[in-house]
All heavy atoms as atom14 arrays in JSON, in Angstrom:
{
  "sequence": "AQRMGREILLTSHLCEGAFEKLRDGDRAAHDALIREGLAALLG",
  "atom14_mask": [
    [1, 1, 1, 1, 1, 0, 0, 0, 0, 0, 0, 0, 0, 0],
    [1, 1, 1, 1, 1, 1, 1, 1, 1, 0, 0, 0, 0, 0],
    [1, 1, 1, 1, 1, 1, 1, 1, 1, 1, 1, 0, 0, 0],
    [1, 1, 1, 1, 1, 1, 1, 1, 0, 0, 0, 0, 0, 0],
    [1, 1, 1, 1, 0, 0, 0, 0, 0, 0, 0, 0, 0, 0],
    [1, 1, 1, 1, 1, 1, 1, 1, 1, 1, 1, 0, 0, 0],
    [1, 1, 1, 1, 1, 1, 1, 1, 1, 0, 0, 0, 0, 0],
    [1, 1, 1, 1, 1, 1, 1, 1, 0, 0, 0, 0, 0, 0],
    [1, 1, 1, 1, 1, 1, 1, 1, 0, 0, 0, 0, 0, 0],
    [1, 1, 1, 1, 1, 1, 1, 1, 0, 0, 0, 0, 0, 0],
    [1, 1, 1, 1, 1, 1, 1, 0, 0, 0, 0, 0, 0, 0],
    [1, 1, 1, 1, 1, 1, 0, 0, 0, 0, 0, 0, 0, 0],
    [1, 1, 1, 1, 1, 1, 1, 1, 1, 1, 0, 0, 0, 0],
    [1, 1, 1, 1, 1, 1, 1, 1, 0, 0, 0, 0, 0, 0],
    [1, 1, 1, 1, 1, 1, 0, 0, 0, 0, 0, 0, 0, 0],
    [1, 1, 1, 1, 1, 1, 1, 1, 1, 0, 0, 0, 0, 0],
    [1, 1, 1, 1, 0, 0, 0, 0, 0, 0, 0, 0, 0, 0],
    [1, 1, 1, 1, 1, 0, 0, 0, 0, 0, 0, 0, 0, 0],
    [1, 1, 1, 1, 1, 1, 1, 1, 1, 1, 1, 0, 0, 0],
    [1, 1, 1, 1, 1, 1, 1, 1, 1, 0, 0, 0, 0, 0],
    [1, 1, 1, 1, 1, 1, 1, 1, 1, 0, 0, 0, 0, 0],
    [1, 1, 1, 1, 1, 1, 1, 1, 0, 0, 0, 0, 0, 0],
    [1, 1, 1, 1, 1, 1, 1, 1, 1, 1, 1, 0, 0, 0],
    [1, 1, 1, 1, 1, 1, 1, 1, 0, 0, 0, 0, 0, 0],
    [1, 1, 1, 1, 0, 0, 0, 0, 0, 0, 0, 0, 0, 0],
    [1, 1, 1, 1, 1, 1, 1, 1, 0, 0, 0, 0, 0, 0],
    [1, 1, 1, 1, 1, 1, 1, 1, 1, 1, 1, 0, 0, 0],
    [1, 1, 1, 1, 1, 0, 0, 0, 0, 0, 0, 0, 0, 0],
    [1, 1, 1, 1, 1, 0, 0, 0, 0, 0, 0, 0, 0, 0],
    [1, 1, 1, 1, 1, 1, 1, 1, 1, 1, 0, 0, 0, 0],
    [1, 1, 1, 1, 1, 1, 1, 1, 0, 0, 0, 0, 0, 0],
    [1, 1, 1, 1, 1, 0, 0, 0, 0, 0, 0, 0, 0, 0],
    [1, 1, 1, 1, 1, 1, 1, 1, 0, 0, 0, 0, 0, 0],
    [1, 1, 1, 1, 1, 1, 1, 1, 0, 0, 0, 0, 0, 0],
    [1, 1, 1, 1, 1, 1, 1, 1, 1, 1, 1, 0, 0, 0],
    [1, 1, 1, 1, 1, 1, 1, 1, 1, 0, 0, 0, 0, 0],
    [1, 1, 1, 1, 0, 0, 0, 0, 0, 0, 0, 0, 0, 0],
    [1, 1, 1, 1, 1, 1, 1, 1, 0, 0, 0, 0, 0, 0],
    [1, 1, 1, 1, 1, 0, 0, 0, 0, 0, 0, 0, 0, 0],
    [1, 1, 1, 1, 1, 0, 0, 0, 0, 0, 0, 0, 0, 0],
    [1, 1, 1, 1, 1, 1, 1, 1, 0, 0, 0, 0, 0, 0],
    [1, 1, 1, 1, 1, 1, 1, 1, 0, 0, 0, 0, 0, 0],
    [1, 1, 1, 1, 0, 0, 0, 0, 0, 0, 0, 0, 0, 0]
  ],
  "atom14_positions": [
    [[120.69, 112.99, 143.81], [121.55, 112.3, 142.85], [122.98, 112.81, 142.93], [123.94, 112.02, 142.9], [121.0, 112.47, 141.44], [0.0, 0.0, 0.0], [0.0, 0.0, 0.0], [0.0, 0.0, 0.0], [0.0, 0.0, 0.0], [0.0, 0.0, 0.0], [0.0, 0.0, 0.0], [0.0, 0.0, 0.0], [0.0, 0.0, 0.0], [0.0, 0.0, 0.0]],
    [[123.14, 114.13, 143.04], [124.47, 114.71, 143.15], [125.16, 114.24, 144.43], [126.36, 113.92, 144.43], [124.38, 116.23, 143.12], [125.73, 116.93, 143.12], [125.59, 118.44, 143.0], [124.56, 119.01, 143.36], [126.61, 119.1, 142.5], [0.0, 0.0, 0.0], [0.0, 0.0, 0.0], [0.0, 0.0, 0.0], [0.0, 0.0, 0.0], [0.0, 0.0, 0.0]],
    [[124.4, 114.19, 145.51], [124.96, 113.72, 146.78], [125.44, 112.28, 146.68], [126.46, 111.9, 147.29], [123.89, 113.85, 147.88], [124.29, 113.3, 149.24], [123.19, 113.53, 150.26], [121.93, 112.89, 149.89], [121.65, 111.61, 150.11], [122.56, 110.82, 150.67], [120.48, 111.11, 149.76], [0.0, 0.0, 0.0], [0.0, 0.0, 0.0], [0.0, 0.0, 0.0]],
    [[124.74, 111.47, 145.87], [125.1, 110.06, 145.7], [126.11, 109.83, 144.57], [126.54, 108.7, 144.34], [123.83, 109.24, 145.38], [122.79, 109.23, 146.47], [121.31, 108.32, 145.93], [120.23, 108.53, 147.35], [0.0, 0.0, 0.0], [0.0, 0.0, 0.0], [0.0, 0.0, 0.0], [0.0, 0.0, 0.0], [0.0, 0.0, 0.0], [0.0, 0.0, 0.0]],
    [[126.46, 110.91, 143.86], [127.38, 110.77, 142.75], [126.76, 110.08, 141.55], [127.46, 109.37, 140.8], [0.0, 0.0, 0.0], [0.0, 0.0, 0.0], [0.0, 0.0, 0.0], [0.0, 0.0, 0.0], [0.0, 0.0, 0.0], [0.0, 0.0, 0.0], [0.0, 0.0, 0.0], [0.0, 0.0, 0.0], [0.0, 0.0, 0.0], [0.0, 0.0, 0.0]],
    [[125.48, 110.31, 141.32], [124.74, 109.62, 140.26], [124.49, 110.55, 139.08], [124.21, 111.74, 139.24], [123.39, 109.14, 140.8], [123.49, 108.05, 141.85], [123.64, 106.69, 141.22], [122.47, 106.42, 140.38], [121.28, 106.01, 140.86], [121.12, 105.83, 142.16], [120.27, 105.77, 140.04], [0.0, 0.0, 0.0], [0.0, 0.0, 0.0], [0.0, 0.0, 0.0]],
    [[124.54, 109.97, 137.87], [124.14, 110.65, 136.65], [122.73, 110.18, 136.3], [122.5, 108.97, 136.16], [125.1, 110.34, 135.5], [126.5, 110.87, 135.69], [126.59, 112.37, 135.38], [125.66, 112.89, 134.74], [127.59, 112.99, 135.81], [0.0, 0.0, 0.0], [0.0, 0.0, 0.0], [0.0, 0.0, 0.0], [0.0, 0.0, 0.0], [0.0, 0.0, 0.0]],
    [[121.79, 111.09, 136.17], [120.41, 110.7, 135.9], [119.84, 111.5, 134.73], [120.37, 112.55, 134.35], [119.51, 110.89, 137.14], [119.46, 112.38, 137.56], [119.96, 110.01, 138.28], [118.42, 112.67, 138.63], [0.0, 0.0, 0.0], [0.0, 0.0, 0.0], [0.0, 0.0, 0.0], [0.0, 0.0, 0.0], [0.0, 0.0, 0.0], [0.0, 0.0, 0.0]],
    [[118.75, 110.97, 134.17], [118.0, 111.67, 133.14], [116.58, 111.88, 133.66], [115.86, 110.91, 133.94], [117.96, 110.85, 131.84], [117.12, 111.43, 130.7], [117.7, 112.76, 130.23], [117.03, 110.45, 129.54], [0.0, 0.0, 0.0], [0.0, 0.0, 0.0], [0.0, 0.0, 0.0], [0.0, 0.0, 0.0], [0.0, 0.0, 0.0], [0.0, 0.0, 0.0]],
    [[116.19, 113.15, 133.8], [114.86, 113.48, 134.31], [113.93, 113.88, 133.18], [114.31, 114.68, 132.31], [114.95, 114.63, 135.32], [115.3, 114.28, 136.76], [115.55, 115.55, 137.57], [114.2, 113.46, 137.41], [0.0, 0.0, 0.0], [0.0, 0.0, 0.0], [0.0, 0.0, 0.0], [0.0, 0.0, 0.0], [0.0, 0.0, 0.0], [0.0, 0.0, 0.0]],
    [[112.71, 113.33, 133.18], [111.67, 113.71, 132.23], [110.43, 114.09, 133.03], [109.98, 113.32, 133.87], [111.33, 112.54, 131.29], [112.51, 112.08, 130.64], [110.32, 112.99, 130.24], [0.0, 0.0, 0.0], [0.0, 0.0, 0.0], [0.0, 0.0, 0.0], [0.0, 0.0, 0.0], [0.0, 0.0, 0.0], [0.0, 0.0, 0.0], [0.0, 0.0, 0.0]],
    [[109.91, 115.27, 132.79], [108.74, 115.72, 133.55], [107.53, 115.9, 132.64], [107.67, 116.16, 131.44], [109.04, 117.03, 134.28], [109.38, 118.04, 133.37], [0.0, 0.0, 0.0], [0.0, 0.0, 0.0], [0.0, 0.0, 0.0], [0.0, 0.0, 0.0], [0.0, 0.0, 0.0], [0.0, 0.0, 0.0], [0.0, 0.0, 0.0], [0.0, 0.0, 0.0]],
    [[106.35, 115.74, 133.24], [105.09, 115.91, 132.5], [104.08, 116.58, 133.41], [103.86, 116.14, 134.55], [104.55, 114.57, 132.01], [103.29, 114.7, 131.21], [103.28, 114.9, 129.85], [101.98, 114.66, 131.59], [102.04, 114.98, 129.42], [101.22, 114.84, 130.46], [0.0, 0.0, 0.0], [0.0, 0.0, 0.0], [0.0, 0.0, 0.0], [0.0, 0.0, 0.0]],
    [[103.46, 117.64, 132.92], [102.42, 118.35, 133.67], [101.05, 117.93, 133.18], [100.75, 118.02, 131.98], [102.6, 119.86, 133.49], [101.58, 120.75, 134.21], [101.71, 120.61, 135.71], [101.77, 122.22, 133.79], [0.0, 0.0, 0.0], [0.0, 0.0, 0.0], [0.0, 0.0, 0.0], [0.0, 0.0, 0.0], [0.0, 0.0, 0.0], [0.0, 0.0, 0.0]],
    [[100.2, 117.45, 134.08], [98.83, 117.06, 133.75], [97.96, 118.32, 133.79], [97.36, 118.66, 134.81], [98.32, 116.02, 134.74], [99.33, 114.53, 134.84], [0.0, 0.0, 0.0], [0.0, 0.0, 0.0], [0.0, 0.0, 0.0], [0.0, 0.0, 0.0], [0.0, 0.0, 0.0], [0.0, 0.0, 0.0], [0.0, 0.0, 0.0], [0.0, 0.0, 0.0]],
    [[97.9, 119.0, 132.67], [97.2, 120.29, 132.58], [95.73, 120.14, 132.97], [95.02, 119.26, 132.46], [97.28, 120.83, 131.16], [98.69, 121.16, 130.69], [99.11, 122.57, 131.06], [98.32, 123.25, 131.77], [100.2, 122.98, 130.65], [0.0, 0.0, 0.0], [0.0, 0.0, 0.0], [0.0, 0.0, 0.0], [0.0, 0.0, 0.0], [0.0, 0.0, 0.0]],
    [[95.29, 120.98, 133.9], [93.88, 121.03, 134.28], [93.47, 120.04, 135.34], [92.35, 120.13, 135.87], [0.0, 0.0, 0.0], [0.0, 0.0, 0.0], [0.0, 0.0, 0.0], [0.0, 0.0, 0.0], [0.0, 0.0, 0.0], [0.0, 0.0, 0.0], [0.0, 0.0, 0.0], [0.0, 0.0, 0.0], [0.0, 0.0, 0.0], [0.0, 0.0, 0.0]],
    [[94.36, 119.1, 135.71], [93.96, 118.07, 136.67], [93.71, 118.65, 138.06], [92.73, 118.29, 138.72], [95.04, 116.98, 136.73], [0.0, 0.0, 0.0], [0.0, 0.0, 0.0], [0.0, 0.0, 0.0], [0.0, 0.0, 0.0], [0.0, 0.0, 0.0], [0.0, 0.0, 0.0], [0.0, 0.0, 0.0], [0.0, 0.0, 0.0], [0.0, 0.0, 0.0]],
    [[94.58, 119.55, 138.51], [94.39, 120.1, 139.85], [93.1, 120.9, 139.93], [92.39, 120.85, 140.95], [95.57, 120.99, 140.24], [95.51, 121.46, 141.66], [95.92, 120.64, 142.7], [95.02, 122.72, 141.98], [95.84, 121.07, 144.02], [94.94, 123.16, 143.29], [95.36, 122.33, 144.31], [0.0, 0.0, 0.0], [0.0, 0.0, 0.0], [0.0, 0.0, 0.0]],
    [[92.77, 121.62, 138.87], [91.52, 122.39, 138.86], [90.31, 121.45, 138.97], [89.32, 121.76, 139.64], [91.43, 123.22, 137.59], [92.39, 124.4, 137.53], [93.84, 123.98, 137.26], [94.05, 122.83, 136.81], [94.75, 124.8, 137.5], [0.0, 0.0, 0.0], [0.0, 0.0, 0.0], [0.0, 0.0, 0.0], [0.0, 0.0, 0.0], [0.0, 0.0, 0.0]],
    [[90.39, 120.29, 138.31], [89.31, 119.31, 138.41], [89.16, 118.81, 139.85], [88.04, 118.69, 140.37], [89.58, 118.12, 137.49], [89.55, 118.46, 136.0], [88.15, 118.87, 135.54], [88.12, 119.09, 134.03], [86.78, 119.55, 133.56], [0.0, 0.0, 0.0], [0.0, 0.0, 0.0], [0.0, 0.0, 0.0], [0.0, 0.0, 0.0], [0.0, 0.0, 0.0]],
    [[90.28, 118.56, 140.49], [90.24, 118.1, 141.88], [89.67, 119.18, 142.79], [88.84, 118.91, 143.67], [91.66, 117.72, 142.34], [91.79, 117.2, 143.76], [91.03, 115.89, 143.93], [93.26, 117.02, 144.13], [0.0, 0.0, 0.0], [0.0, 0.0, 0.0], [0.0, 0.0, 0.0], [0.0, 0.0, 0.0], [0.0, 0.0, 0.0], [0.0, 0.0, 0.0]],
    [[90.08, 120.41, 142.57], [89.6, 121.53, 143.39], [88.1, 121.72, 143.21], [87.4, 122.12, 144.16], [90.35, 122.81, 143.0], [90.08, 124.0, 143.9], [91.0, 125.14, 143.53], [90.92, 125.46, 142.1], [91.79, 126.24, 141.47], [92.81, 126.76, 142.11], [91.65, 126.49, 140.18], [0.0, 0.0, 0.0], [0.0, 0.0, 0.0], [0.0, 0.0, 0.0]],
    [[87.57, 121.41, 142.01], [86.14, 121.54, 141.74], [85.35, 120.33, 142.18], [84.13, 120.27, 141.98], [85.91, 121.79, 140.25], [86.47, 123.14, 139.79], [86.66, 124.02, 140.65], [86.71, 123.3, 138.58], [0.0, 0.0, 0.0], [0.0, 0.0, 0.0], [0.0, 0.0, 0.0], [0.0, 0.0, 0.0], [0.0, 0.0, 0.0], [0.0, 0.0, 0.0]],
    [[86.03, 119.33, 142.73], [85.34, 118.15, 143.23], [85.16, 117.03, 142.23], [84.49, 116.04, 142.52], [0.0, 0.0, 0.0], [0.0, 0.0, 0.0], [0.0, 0.0, 0.0], [0.0, 0.0, 0.0], [0.0, 0.0, 0.0], [0.0, 0.0, 0.0], [0.0, 0.0, 0.0], [0.0, 0.0, 0.0], [0.0, 0.0, 0.0], [0.0, 0.0, 0.0]],
    [[85.78, 117.16, 141.04], [85.65, 116.13, 140.01], [86.85, 115.2, 140.08], [87.78, 115.28, 139.27], [85.55, 116.79, 138.63], [85.12, 115.8, 137.55], [85.15, 114.58, 137.81], [84.77, 116.26, 136.44], [0.0, 0.0, 0.0], [0.0, 0.0, 0.0], [0.0, 0.0, 0.0], [0.0, 0.0, 0.0], [0.0, 0.0, 0.0], [0.0, 0.0, 0.0]],
    [[86.85, 114.31, 141.06], [87.96, 113.4, 141.26], [88.17, 112.47, 140.06], [89.31, 112.16, 139.69], [87.71, 112.58, 142.53], [88.58, 111.36, 142.72], [90.02, 111.69, 143.02], [90.22, 112.22, 144.34], [91.43, 112.42, 144.86], [92.51, 112.15, 144.15], [91.56, 112.92, 146.08], [0.0, 0.0, 0.0], [0.0, 0.0, 0.0], [0.0, 0.0, 0.0]],
    [[87.08, 112.03, 139.43], [87.2, 111.1, 138.3], [87.97, 111.74, 137.14], [88.85, 111.12, 136.53], [85.82, 110.65, 137.84], [0.0, 0.0, 0.0], [0.0, 0.0, 0.0], [0.0, 0.0, 0.0], [0.0, 0.0, 0.0], [0.0, 0.0, 0.0], [0.0, 0.0, 0.0], [0.0, 0.0, 0.0], [0.0, 0.0, 0.0], [0.0, 0.0, 0.0]],
    [[87.65, 113.0, 136.82], [88.35, 113.69, 135.73], [89.81, 113.94, 136.1], [90.71, 113.82, 135.26], [87.65, 115.01, 135.42], [0.0, 0.0, 0.0], [0.0, 0.0, 0.0], [0.0, 0.0, 0.0], [0.0, 0.0, 0.0], [0.0, 0.0, 0.0], [0.0, 0.0, 0.0], [0.0, 0.0, 0.0], [0.0, 0.0, 0.0], [0.0, 0.0, 0.0]],
    [[90.06, 114.3, 137.36], [91.42, 114.48, 137.85], [92.24, 113.22, 137.66], [93.36, 113.23, 137.12], [91.35, 114.87, 139.34], [92.65, 114.78, 140.08], [93.04, 113.63, 140.75], [93.64, 115.68, 140.27], [94.22, 113.83, 141.31], [94.6, 115.06, 141.05], [0.0, 0.0, 0.0], [0.0, 0.0, 0.0], [0.0, 0.0, 0.0], [0.0, 0.0, 0.0]],
    [[91.67, 112.09, 138.08], [92.39, 110.82, 137.99], [92.62, 110.41, 136.54], [93.69, 109.87, 136.2], [91.61, 109.73, 138.72], [91.57, 109.96, 140.23], [92.22, 110.91, 140.71], [90.87, 109.19, 140.92], [0.0, 0.0, 0.0], [0.0, 0.0, 0.0], [0.0, 0.0, 0.0], [0.0, 0.0, 0.0], [0.0, 0.0, 0.0], [0.0, 0.0, 0.0]],
    [[91.66, 110.68, 135.67], [91.81, 110.32, 134.26], [92.95, 111.1, 133.61], [93.73, 110.56, 132.81], [90.51, 110.58, 133.52], [0.0, 0.0, 0.0], [0.0, 0.0, 0.0], [0.0, 0.0, 0.0], [0.0, 0.0, 0.0], [0.0, 0.0, 0.0], [0.0, 0.0, 0.0], [0.0, 0.0, 0.0], [0.0, 0.0, 0.0], [0.0, 0.0, 0.0]],
    [[93.08, 112.38, 133.95], [94.16, 113.2, 133.39], [95.53, 112.72, 133.89], [96.52, 112.77, 133.15], [93.95, 114.67, 133.76], [92.81, 115.37, 133.01], [92.51, 116.73, 133.64], [93.17, 115.54, 131.53], [0.0, 0.0, 0.0], [0.0, 0.0, 0.0], [0.0, 0.0, 0.0], [0.0, 0.0, 0.0], [0.0, 0.0, 0.0], [0.0, 0.0, 0.0]],
    [[95.59, 112.25, 135.12], [96.84, 111.71, 135.64], [97.22, 110.42, 134.9], [98.38, 110.21, 134.54], [96.74, 111.47, 137.15], [96.68, 112.82, 137.88], [97.92, 110.64, 137.66], [96.45, 112.71, 139.36], [0.0, 0.0, 0.0], [0.0, 0.0, 0.0], [0.0, 0.0, 0.0], [0.0, 0.0, 0.0], [0.0, 0.0, 0.0], [0.0, 0.0, 0.0]],
    [[96.24, 109.57, 134.63], [96.53, 108.33, 133.9], [96.98, 108.64, 132.48], [97.86, 107.95, 131.93], [95.3, 107.43, 133.92], [95.04, 106.8, 135.29], [93.98, 105.72, 135.23], [92.66, 106.27, 135.0], [91.82, 106.63, 135.97], [92.18, 106.51, 137.25], [90.62, 107.1, 135.69], [0.0, 0.0, 0.0], [0.0, 0.0, 0.0], [0.0, 0.0, 0.0]],
    [[96.42, 109.67, 131.86], [96.88, 110.08, 130.54], [98.33, 110.56, 130.59], [99.14, 110.24, 129.72], [95.99, 111.2, 129.99], [94.6, 110.75, 129.58], [93.76, 111.92, 129.09], [94.33, 113.01, 128.86], [92.53, 111.75, 128.96], [0.0, 0.0, 0.0], [0.0, 0.0, 0.0], [0.0, 0.0, 0.0], [0.0, 0.0, 0.0], [0.0, 0.0, 0.0]],
    [[98.65, 111.33, 131.62], [100.01, 111.8, 131.78], [100.99, 110.67, 132.01], [102.11, 110.68, 131.48], [0.0, 0.0, 0.0], [0.0, 0.0, 0.0], [0.0, 0.0, 0.0], [0.0, 0.0, 0.0], [0.0, 0.0, 0.0], [0.0, 0.0, 0.0], [0.0, 0.0, 0.0], [0.0, 0.0, 0.0], [0.0, 0.0, 0.0], [0.0, 0.0, 0.0]],
    [[100.56, 109.69, 132.77], [101.41, 108.53, 133.02], [101.72, 107.8, 131.71], [102.86, 107.39, 131.46], [100.73, 107.59, 134.01], [101.46, 106.29, 134.31], [102.8, 106.58, 134.99], [100.6, 105.39, 135.2], [0.0, 0.0, 0.0], [0.0, 0.0, 0.0], [0.0, 0.0, 0.0], [0.0, 0.0, 0.0], [0.0, 0.0, 0.0], [0.0, 0.0, 0.0]],
    [[100.7, 107.65, 130.88], [100.9, 106.96, 129.6], [101.93, 107.67, 128.74], [102.67, 107.04, 127.97], [99.56, 106.87, 128.86], [0.0, 0.0, 0.0], [0.0, 0.0, 0.0], [0.0, 0.0, 0.0], [0.0, 0.0, 0.0], [0.0, 0.0, 0.0], [0.0, 0.0, 0.0], [0.0, 0.0, 0.0], [0.0, 0.0, 0.0], [0.0, 0.0, 0.0]],
    [[102.03, 109.01, 128.86], [103.0, 109.77, 128.08], [104.43, 109.53, 128.54], [105.38, 109.75, 127.77], [102.67, 111.27, 128.17], [0.0, 0.0, 0.0], [0.0, 0.0, 0.0], [0.0, 0.0, 0.0], [0.0, 0.0, 0.0], [0.0, 0.0, 0.0], [0.0, 0.0, 0.0], [0.0, 0.0, 0.0], [0.0, 0.0, 0.0], [0.0, 0.0, 0.0]],
    [[104.6, 109.08, 129.79], [105.94, 108.85, 130.32], [106.41, 107.41, 130.17], [107.6, 107.16, 129.97], [105.99, 109.22, 131.81], [105.93, 110.7, 132.17], [105.88, 110.87, 133.69], [107.15, 111.43, 131.62], [0.0, 0.0, 0.0], [0.0, 0.0, 0.0], [0.0, 0.0, 0.0], [0.0, 0.0, 0.0], [0.0, 0.0, 0.0], [0.0, 0.0, 0.0]],
    [[105.49, 106.47, 130.29], [105.86, 105.06, 130.27], [106.56, 104.7, 128.96], [106.21, 105.15, 127.89], [104.61, 104.19, 130.45], [103.93, 104.28, 131.81], [102.69, 103.4, 131.84], [104.88, 103.89, 132.93], [0.0, 0.0, 0.0], [0.0, 0.0, 0.0], [0.0, 0.0, 0.0], [0.0, 0.0, 0.0], [0.0, 0.0, 0.0], [0.0, 0.0, 0.0]],
    [[107.56, 103.86, 129.07], [108.35, 103.47, 127.91], [109.63, 104.26, 127.76], [110.55, 103.83, 127.07], [0.0, 0.0, 0.0], [0.0, 0.0, 0.0], [0.0, 0.0, 0.0], [0.0, 0.0, 0.0], [0.0, 0.0, 0.0], [0.0, 0.0, 0.0], [0.0, 0.0, 0.0], [0.0, 0.0, 0.0], [0.0, 0.0, 0.0], [0.0, 0.0, 0.0]]
  ]
}
């Protein structure tokens, strides 16, 4: 953004526990936590 001369607003969200679910082989729980995180950002 700085290289392009842009002013931006960044909002970040951490999907707590999702990576651990993926590492344990629980892809469904991992994906559900990501969708929850997405819902927190949308809008």
